[in-house]
């Protein structure tokens, strides 16, 4: 049982029926992404395990009585405030997605008490500061903070034991990822359209790096952030003028490598030794005709799609 504002709720059915807006139950058709209407997923035991709220004026307090709720998502609700009562979900909630709910969001400290949270996404909410209290989220595996106003990231991020994915795309004032130094769990790093001017160091297990549209001038330190078996490295639209052979020293395998719209005049020989390189894009750089012909000649005998 759960009592809110003097009313006792005895079932999830009663809670859902009390909501002041329509909620579709177990929709038969796949929902669009992002969703355009609110819906709930209910399991065979009549428990609400997933709740998606769209275009709501506020979060009814009774939502925090859903004691088996594993996923809560809130979209396109510009006046919504996340209340401290979210801590009532600390034993069940595994995923919290907040997108486009505020121009300048303030996160309650209680969010960092959600001890089972594995996915946290705060997107386009005007977030300026992300607390060091994220260190409490030991179960966190995926963190997305795209399209906010972050100037920096908390040092705690590099110490999260389970974090495999970090995305901070479109934080146009963010200039450094140095807080990630030493992270051994991180596999995927996305930070496109920021102001990143140098690579972070010593992140040895990255399989995917997407750093398009930044201020990089070199790939210095690249050798400390690449795993032997990699999938995608993307550095399009930067100011990279050279790549040293040393920076590719640890790079054994990568499937796709993107360096278009930079200022490269030549490539190191070590780039031709990368295994399983299926696609290599170096369009719109500053190669002269001789270098361009050399690159094309070498790649003609390698099974790689070259875009130059």
Foldseek 3Di string as FASTA:
>chain_A
DDDDPRDDDDAVVVLQVPDPDDEAEPDPDDADVVGDAWYFYADPVRATQETEHEQDQEDPLSVLVRQQHAYYEYEQAQNYADDLSVLSNLVHYAEYYYENHYLEHDDDLSVLSSQNHAYYAYEQHQYAADDLSVLSNLNHAEYHDEQYQYQEYHLSVLVRQRHAYYAHENNANHADPQSVAQRANYAEYHYENYAHAADHAQHARHQYYHHEQYAYQEPPRLLRNYYQAHEEYAHHHYAHAAYDLVSCVSHAEYAEYYYDNYAYQAHDPVVLRHPNHAEYEHHHYNHDPVRVVVVVVSCVVPNYHYHD
